[in-house]
Amino acid sequence: MVDTEQARQKLLALRDGYTRRIAALDGDLHHREQAVEKDFAEQATQRENDSVLAALDDEARVQVGLIDAALARIEGGSYGSCVRCGEEIAAGRLEAVPYSTLCIACAEQ
């Protein structure tokens, strides 16, 4: 049996970390701290960096969505159950990835 309060606290801490990361990336992506370079070569480098930052931002937003879904499952009483087969997700799996939705058997399919 999973300690849902402990899982909730862990999920909230993860969510907070990702939210801070999104805020920092947003500032970097919109160049709020620095002006866009005038030199064309520097602009190209900046656009390349922006592409990487955008990918990191997208991934962080996906993680927040997964965390929010896990928090909703805690509230709904279904946290720790596989969404595909309904079996219990192993505590070790939830410890490693607290927003897991599938048991190992279903995840391997």
Protein backbone atom coordinates (compact mmCIF):
# COMPACT_ATOMS: atom_id res chain seq x y z
CA MET A 1 0.00 0.00 0.00
CA VAL A 2 1.30 3.42 -1.00
CA ASP A 3 1.50 6.29 1.50
CA THR A 4 -0.49 8.82 -0.51
CA GLU A 5 0.40 11.76 1.75
CA GLN A 6 4.10 11.08 1.27
CA ALA A 7 3.54 10.71 -2.47
CA ARG A 8 1.55 13.95 -2.53
CA GLN A 9 4.35 15.83 -0.79
CA LYS A 10 6.92 14.41 -3.20
CA LEU A 11 4.75 15.31 -6.20
CA LEU A 12 4.22 18.85 -4.92
CA ALA A 13 7.97 19.29 -4.44
CA LEU A 14 8.62 18.01 -7.97
CA ARG A 15 5.91 20.30 -9.33
CA ASP A 16 7.45 23.28 -7.55
CA GLY A 17 10.85 22.48 -9.06
CA TYR A 18 9.45 22.17 -12.57
CA THR A 19 7.41 25.35 -12.15
CA ARG A 20 10.53 27.28 -11.13
CA ARG A 21 12.38 25.80 -14.10
CA ILE A 22 9.58 26.90 -16.46
CA ALA A 23 9.71 30.44 -15.06
CA ALA A 24 13.48 30.62 -15.52
CA LEU A 25 13.29 29.21 -19.03
CA ASP A 26 10.53 31.65 -19.92
CA GLY A 27 12.77 34.56 -18.95
CA ASP A 28 15.66 33.17 -20.99
CA LEU A 29 13.48 32.40 -24.01
CA HIS A 30 12.06 35.90 -24.15
CA HIS A 31 15.45 37.51 -23.53
CA ARG A 32 14.09 39.58 -20.68
CA GLU A 33 17.52 39.83 -19.11
CA GLN A 34 19.42 40.68 -22.29
CA ALA A 35 18.85 42.30 -25.62
CA VAL A 36 18.85 40.33 -28.86
CA GLU A 37 22.32 40.41 -30.40
CA LYS A 38 22.90 42.73 -33.34
CA ASP A 39 25.51 40.48 -34.95
CA PHE A 40 23.93 37.95 -37.34
CA ALA A 41 26.23 35.09 -36.23
CA GLU A 42 25.36 35.77 -32.61
CA GLN A 43 21.66 35.86 -33.47
CA ALA A 44 22.00 32.44 -35.12
CA THR A 45 23.66 31.08 -31.98
CA GLN A 46 20.97 32.67 -29.86
CA ARG A 47 18.21 31.06 -31.97
CA GLU A 48 19.94 27.69 -31.64
CA ASN A 49 20.05 28.15 -27.88
CA ASP A 50 16.40 29.21 -27.90
CA SER A 51 15.52 25.94 -29.62
CA VAL A 52 17.16 23.95 -26.85
CA LEU A 53 15.51 26.08 -24.18
CA ALA A 54 12.12 25.65 -25.85
CA ALA A 55 12.54 21.87 -25.83
CA LEU A 56 13.45 21.96 -22.12
CA ASP A 57 10.44 24.18 -21.45
CA ASP A 58 8.13 21.81 -23.32
CA GLU A 59 9.45 18.83 -21.38
CA ALA A 60 9.02 20.63 -18.04
CA ARG A 61 5.43 21.50 -18.95
CA VAL A 62 4.72 17.86 -19.84
CA GLN A 63 6.13 16.79 -16.47
CA VAL A 64 3.91 19.30 -14.66
CA GLY A 65 0.91 17.86 -16.51
CA LEU A 66 1.85 14.33 -15.45
CA ILE A 67 2.31 15.48 -11.87
CA ASP A 68 -1.04 17.29 -11.86
CA ALA A 69 -2.71 14.13 -13.16
CA ALA A 70 -1.08 12.10 -10.38
CA LEU A 71 -2.26 14.61 -7.78
CA ALA A 72 -5.78 14.32 -9.21
CA ARG A 73 -5.55 10.51 -8.90
CA ILE A 74 -4.57 10.93 -5.25
CA GLU A 75 -7.60 13.16 -4.69
CA GLY A 76 -9.81 10.70 -6.56
CA GLY A 77 -8.52 7.69 -4.65
CA SER A 78 -7.06 5.86 -7.64
CA TYR A 79 -3.39 6.74 -7.11
CA GLY A 80 -1.17 3.67 -7.21
CA SER A 81 -3.49 1.67 -9.47
CA CYS A 82 -2.53 0.92 -13.06
CA VAL A 83 -4.78 2.87 -15.42
CA ARG A 84 -4.73 0.00 -17.93
CA CYS A 85 -5.25 -3.16 -15.88
CA GLY A 86 -6.23 -1.81 -12.47
CA GLU A 87 -3.52 -3.75 -10.62
CA GLU A 88 -1.46 -2.06 -7.94
CA ILE A 89 1.69 -0.28 -9.17
CA ALA A 90 4.75 -1.46 -7.23
CA ALA A 91 5.79 0.92 -4.46
CA GLY A 92 9.36 0.97 -5.79
CA ARG A 93 8.12 2.13 -9.19
CA LEU A 94 6.06 4.89 -7.59
CA GLU A 95 9.02 5.87 -5.44
CA ALA A 96 11.19 6.23 -8.54
CA VAL A 97 8.52 7.83 -10.75
CA PRO A 98 5.70 9.07 -8.51
CA TYR A 99 3.52 10.05 -11.47
CA SER A 100 3.59 6.55 -13.01
CA THR A 101 0.28 5.50 -14.49
CA LEU A 102 1.13 1.93 -15.47
CA CYS A 103 2.35 -1.13 -13.61
CA ILE A 104 5.56 -2.65 -14.95
CA ALA A 105 3.73 -5.39 -16.85
CA CYS A 106 1.56 -2.90 -18.73
CA ALA A 107 4.46 -0.49 -19.28
CA GLU A 108 6.47 -3.29 -20.92
CA GLN A 109 3.71 -4.02 -23.46
